[in-house]
Amino acid sequence: MIDPRPVEFRGSALDDLRTFPLAARREAGHQLDQVQNGQEADDWKPMNTVGQGVKEIRIRDAAGAFRVIYIAKFADAIYVLHCFQKKAEKTSKVDLNLAAKRYRDLLKELNQ
């Protein structure tokens, strides 16, 4: 049994997650718990447009589609880059750019 890695939220990601409806928030927590314990989320896809190794957890809820973009390739923590409700079929450029900026900022921090 591995020790679960901590989850660290970047920027406003935690506040954004807290705006999700309760069921979607619980599902996001469950999926992040699986990732913390070395497993894959149930429904995810790679987000290489954001950065190498970045993944997106996909949550479907009665209230809509929600996304949690994270990176789990670093040993010290799982970093949640961005949480948002998806309103269109394609992820918006604003959401992708925000996640990519937080990823770049994280890399700078870790490489200091």
Protein backbone atom coordinates (compact mmCIF):
# COMPACT_ATOMS: atom_id res chain seq x y z
CA MET A 1 0.00 0.00 0.00
CA ILE A 2 1.48 3.33 -1.01
CA ASP A 3 1.03 6.47 1.03
CA PRO A 4 -1.46 8.75 -0.71
CA ARG A 5 0.20 11.83 -2.16
CA PRO A 6 -1.21 15.19 -1.13
CA VAL A 7 -3.39 17.14 -3.55
CA GLU A 8 -2.33 20.72 -4.15
CA PHE A 9 -4.67 23.14 -5.88
CA ARG A 10 -3.14 25.85 -8.08
CA GLY A 11 -4.59 29.32 -8.45
CA SER A 12 -8.37 29.39 -7.99
CA ALA A 13 -8.83 25.66 -8.72
CA LEU A 14 -10.12 24.79 -5.23
CA ASP A 15 -12.57 27.71 -5.18
CA ASP A 16 -13.70 26.71 -8.68
CA LEU A 17 -14.22 23.11 -7.56
CA ARG A 18 -16.34 24.35 -4.64
CA THR A 19 -18.78 25.91 -7.13
CA PHE A 20 -19.60 22.46 -8.58
CA PRO A 21 -22.97 20.96 -7.53
CA LEU A 22 -22.65 18.62 -4.55
CA ALA A 23 -22.81 15.36 -6.55
CA ALA A 24 -20.15 16.55 -9.03
CA ARG A 25 -17.98 17.80 -6.16
CA ARG A 26 -18.21 14.43 -4.42
CA GLU A 27 -17.36 12.60 -7.65
CA ALA A 28 -14.35 14.87 -8.22
CA GLY A 29 -13.16 14.12 -4.69
CA HIS A 30 -13.58 10.39 -5.23
CA GLN A 31 -11.67 10.49 -8.52
CA LEU A 32 -8.83 12.56 -7.02
CA ASP A 33 -8.68 10.09 -4.12
CA GLN A 34 -8.14 7.26 -6.62
CA VAL A 35 -5.33 9.23 -8.29
CA GLN A 36 -3.77 9.95 -4.87
CA ASN A 37 -3.66 6.22 -4.22
CA GLY A 38 -1.85 5.42 -7.45
CA GLN A 39 -4.86 4.46 -9.58
CA GLU A 40 -6.33 6.06 -12.68
CA ALA A 41 -9.53 8.08 -12.54
CA ASP A 42 -12.56 6.22 -13.96
CA ASP A 43 -13.05 8.61 -16.90
CA TRP A 44 -10.03 10.63 -18.00
CA LYS A 45 -8.12 11.68 -21.07
CA PRO A 46 -4.63 13.05 -21.67
CA MET A 47 -4.37 16.83 -22.09
CA ASN A 48 -1.02 17.13 -23.85
CA THR A 49 -2.11 20.49 -25.27
CA VAL A 50 -1.81 21.80 -21.70
CA GLY A 51 1.45 20.01 -20.89
CA GLN A 52 3.30 16.70 -20.92
CA GLY A 53 1.58 14.25 -18.55
CA VAL A 54 -1.43 16.49 -17.83
CA LYS A 55 -4.75 14.65 -17.55
CA GLU A 56 -8.39 15.65 -17.40
CA ILE A 57 -10.98 13.93 -15.19
CA ARG A 58 -14.38 13.96 -16.89
CA ILE A 59 -17.46 14.15 -14.67
CA ARG A 60 -20.99 13.96 -16.05
CA ASP A 61 -23.73 15.12 -13.73
CA ALA A 62 -27.41 16.03 -14.01
CA ALA A 63 -26.22 19.66 -13.86
CA GLY A 64 -23.82 19.22 -16.81
CA ALA A 65 -20.25 18.26 -17.62
CA PHE A 66 -17.43 19.15 -15.26
CA ARG A 67 -13.67 18.87 -15.67
CA VAL A 68 -10.69 18.64 -13.33
CA ILE A 69 -7.32 19.14 -15.04
CA TYR A 70 -4.38 17.79 -13.04
CA ILE A 71 -0.81 16.54 -13.23
CA ALA A 72 0.27 13.50 -11.21
CA LYS A 73 3.75 12.80 -12.60
CA PHE A 74 5.65 14.54 -9.80
CA ALA A 75 6.58 12.53 -6.69
CA ASP A 76 5.64 15.12 -4.07
CA ALA A 77 1.98 15.85 -4.90
CA ILE A 78 -0.97 15.69 -7.28
CA TYR A 79 -1.38 19.21 -8.67
CA VAL A 80 -4.88 20.30 -9.68
CA LEU A 81 -4.38 22.98 -12.32
CA HIS A 82 -7.96 23.92 -13.17
CA CYS A 83 -11.59 22.95 -12.40
CA PHE A 84 -14.49 24.13 -14.53
CA GLN A 85 -17.91 23.36 -15.94
CA LYS A 86 -17.71 22.47 -19.60
CA LYS A 87 -20.31 24.39 -21.60
CA ALA A 88 -19.49 23.35 -25.19
CA GLU A 89 -18.27 20.21 -26.93
CA LYS A 90 -14.73 21.58 -27.27
CA THR A 91 -12.87 22.76 -24.19
CA SER A 92 -12.63 26.54 -24.41
CA LYS A 93 -9.33 28.23 -25.25
CA VAL A 94 -9.64 30.28 -22.03
CA ASP A 95 -9.75 27.09 -19.92
CA LEU A 96 -6.87 25.46 -21.83
CA ASN A 97 -4.72 28.60 -21.62
CA LEU A 98 -5.34 28.99 -17.88
CA ALA A 99 -4.42 25.37 -17.19
CA ALA A 100 -1.30 25.67 -19.40
CA LYS A 101 -0.18 28.84 -17.61
CA ARG A 102 -0.58 27.19 -14.20
CA TYR A 103 1.38 24.18 -15.51
CA ARG A 104 4.24 26.41 -16.72
CA ASP A 105 4.26 28.30 -13.41
CA LEU A 106 4.37 24.99 -11.52
CA LEU A 107 7.34 23.76 -13.58
CA LYS A 108 9.22 27.01 -12.84
CA GLU A 109 8.55 26.58 -9.11
CA LEU A 110 9.63 22.94 -9.04
CA ASN A 111 12.82 23.64 -10.98
CA GLN A 112 14.09 26.37 -8.65
